[in-house]
Protein backbone atom coordinates (compact mmCIF):
# COMPACT_ATOMS: atom_id res chain seq x y z
CA MET A 1 -42.60 -2.40 1.83
CA PRO A 2 -39.80 0.23 1.69
CA PRO A 3 -40.38 3.27 -0.48
CA ILE A 4 -38.87 3.28 -3.96
CA ILE A 5 -36.14 5.87 -4.30
CA VAL A 6 -35.97 7.42 -7.72
CA PRO A 7 -32.91 9.56 -8.54
CA ILE A 8 -33.62 13.09 -9.65
CA SER A 9 -31.18 12.84 -12.53
CA PRO A 10 -30.84 9.75 -14.73
CA SER A 11 -27.22 9.23 -13.71
CA PRO A 12 -25.21 10.84 -10.94
CA ARG A 13 -23.02 13.72 -12.09
CA ARG A 14 -19.39 13.44 -11.32
CA LYS A 15 -17.37 16.37 -10.05
CA SER A 16 -15.27 16.29 -13.20
CA ASP A 17 -18.40 16.73 -15.33
CA HIS A 18 -19.38 19.67 -13.15
CA ASN A 19 -15.93 21.19 -13.52
CA ARG A 20 -16.01 20.72 -17.30
CA ILE A 21 -19.32 22.55 -17.42
CA ILE A 22 -17.84 25.43 -15.41
CA LEU A 23 -14.81 25.58 -17.71
CA ARG A 24 -17.01 25.56 -20.81
CA GLN A 25 -19.18 28.36 -19.40
CA PHE A 26 -16.06 30.38 -18.55
CA GLN A 27 -14.69 29.88 -22.07
CA ASP A 28 -18.05 31.04 -23.44
CA GLY A 29 -17.60 34.35 -21.64
CA ALA A 30 -19.15 33.95 -18.20
CA THR A 31 -17.40 35.87 -15.44
CA LEU A 32 -16.04 34.31 -12.26
CA ALA A 33 -18.60 36.20 -10.19
CA ALA A 34 -21.51 35.01 -12.35
CA LEU A 35 -20.28 31.40 -12.23
CA ALA A 36 -19.78 31.64 -8.47
CA LYS A 37 -23.32 32.83 -7.96
CA GLN A 38 -24.76 30.21 -10.31
CA HIS A 39 -22.91 27.28 -8.69
CA GLY A 40 -22.98 28.50 -5.09
CA LEU A 41 -19.21 28.78 -4.75
CA SER A 42 -16.79 31.64 -4.20
CA PRO A 43 -15.13 33.26 -7.23
CA HIS A 44 -11.76 32.10 -5.88
CA ARG A 45 -12.96 28.47 -5.79
CA ILE A 46 -14.32 28.78 -9.33
CA LYS A 47 -10.90 30.05 -10.42
CA GLN A 48 -9.24 27.02 -8.74
CA LEU A 49 -11.63 24.59 -10.45
CA ILE A 50 -11.03 26.20 -13.84
CA ALA A 51 -7.24 26.04 -13.38
CA ARG A 52 -7.42 22.37 -12.38
CA GLU A 53 -9.69 21.50 -15.30
CA ILE A 54 -7.40 23.31 -17.75
CA GLY A 55 -4.53 21.18 -16.41
CA TYR A 56 -6.57 18.01 -17.03
CA VAL A 57 -7.44 19.11 -20.57
CA GLU A 58 -3.81 19.94 -21.33
CA ARG A 59 -2.67 16.54 -19.98
CA GLU A 60 -5.26 14.74 -22.13
CA ALA A 61 -3.98 16.62 -25.18
CA GLU A 62 -0.38 15.76 -24.24
CA LEU A 63 -1.25 12.05 -23.95
CA ALA A 64 -3.07 12.09 -27.29
CA TYR A 65 -0.01 13.68 -28.90
CA ALA A 66 2.33 11.19 -27.20
CA LEU A 67 0.45 8.27 -28.73
CA THR A 68 1.00 9.68 -32.24
CA LEU A 69 4.79 9.82 -31.90
CA PRO A 70 6.80 7.06 -33.60
CA ASP A 71 9.03 6.24 -30.61
CA GLN A 72 6.93 4.26 -28.16
CA PRO A 73 6.88 4.42 -25.24
CA ASN A 74 8.08 7.98 -24.96
CA ALA A 75 8.63 10.20 -21.95
CA LEU A 76 5.34 12.06 -22.44
CA LEU A 77 3.46 8.95 -21.33
CA LEU A 78 4.88 9.33 -17.82
CA THR A 79 3.18 11.64 -15.36
CA PRO A 80 4.74 15.11 -15.24
CA ALA A 81 6.17 14.53 -11.74
CA THR A 82 7.88 11.25 -12.66
CA ARG A 83 9.06 12.70 -15.96
CA ALA A 84 10.64 15.71 -14.21
CA MET A 85 12.48 13.52 -11.70
CA VAL A 86 13.85 11.16 -14.35
CA ALA A 87 14.81 14.11 -16.58
CA SER A 88 16.78 15.64 -13.71
CA VAL A 89 18.85 12.46 -13.41
CA THR A 90 19.31 11.75 -17.12
CA GLY A 91 19.97 15.38 -18.00
CA ARG A 92 17.50 15.23 -20.90
CA SER A 93 13.83 16.13 -21.05
CA ASP A 94 13.34 13.81 -24.03
CA PHE A 95 14.98 10.76 -22.43
CA THR A 96 14.54 7.23 -23.75
CA ARG A 97 14.46 3.84 -22.09
CA GLN A 98 18.15 3.42 -22.86
CA ASP A 99 18.93 6.69 -21.04
CA VAL A 100 17.07 5.48 -17.96
CA LEU A 101 18.78 2.09 -17.98
CA ALA A 102 22.18 3.74 -18.48
CA VAL A 103 21.71 5.91 -15.40
CA GLY A 104 20.55 2.98 -13.27
CA TRP A 105 18.03 2.49 -10.51
CA VAL A 106 20.29 3.62 -7.70
CA GLU A 107 20.68 7.12 -9.11
CA ILE A 108 17.00 7.41 -9.94
CA CYS A 109 15.95 6.26 -6.46
CA ARG A 110 18.16 8.94 -4.88
CA VAL A 111 16.01 11.72 -6.33
CA TYR A 112 14.15 13.50 -3.57
CA GLY A 113 10.44 12.66 -3.80
CA PHE A 114 10.90 9.52 -5.91
CA TYR A 115 8.54 7.15 -4.13
CA ALA A 116 7.22 3.65 -4.77
CA LYS A 117 4.39 4.96 -6.95
CA HIS A 118 6.96 6.60 -9.25
CA ARG A 119 9.06 3.42 -9.31
CA ARG A 120 6.01 1.34 -10.29
CA GLU A 121 5.12 3.81 -13.02
CA LEU A 122 8.68 3.81 -14.37
CA GLU A 123 8.89 0.00 -14.26
CA LYS A 124 5.64 -0.23 -16.22
CA TRP A 125 6.95 2.32 -18.72
CA LEU A 126 10.22 0.41 -19.15
CA GLY A 127 8.34 -2.83 -19.77
CA ASP A 128 10.48 -5.88 -20.56
CA ASN A 129 13.63 -3.81 -21.09
CA ARG A 130 14.04 -3.02 -17.40
CA THR A 131 16.58 -4.75 -15.28
CA THR A 132 15.08 -7.23 -12.86
CA VAL A 133 14.62 -5.50 -9.55
CA THR A 134 12.54 -7.22 -6.92
CA SER A 135 12.76 -4.54 -4.26
CA ILE A 136 14.11 -1.06 -4.60
CA THR A 137 14.62 0.82 -1.38
CA ARG A 138 15.81 4.34 -0.89
CA PRO A 139 19.62 4.16 -0.69
CA LEU A 140 21.40 5.59 2.31
CA ARG A 141 23.16 8.89 1.73
């Protein structure tokens, strides 16, 4: 009969939980050096983890705020990368679905770095108001 393996902790900790703990300890006044020693990482790596976790917390707050706005869906629901690319084409940081449809897919697809994942996200954001596009390829320049 094989031995029974019992986990040390009741549930496995995720990296994000670990990073949240580090952020909370840093906000409570722990130094980078003390956190590095405690977690067995370099102070520089601790600083990177804290910066990343702060970005996640800010994005969660941004999404919570976006859901309270009356105009739904709004641009804040898009990821920052997609939002920046669409804003560069529309000329507005607070663009609406009508602004995106007025510009058209061809112009949006010409933006450097606008890949299929951004197209899928934008199509989902546009919902039923999007023009029917079965396949969007990067136009030739």
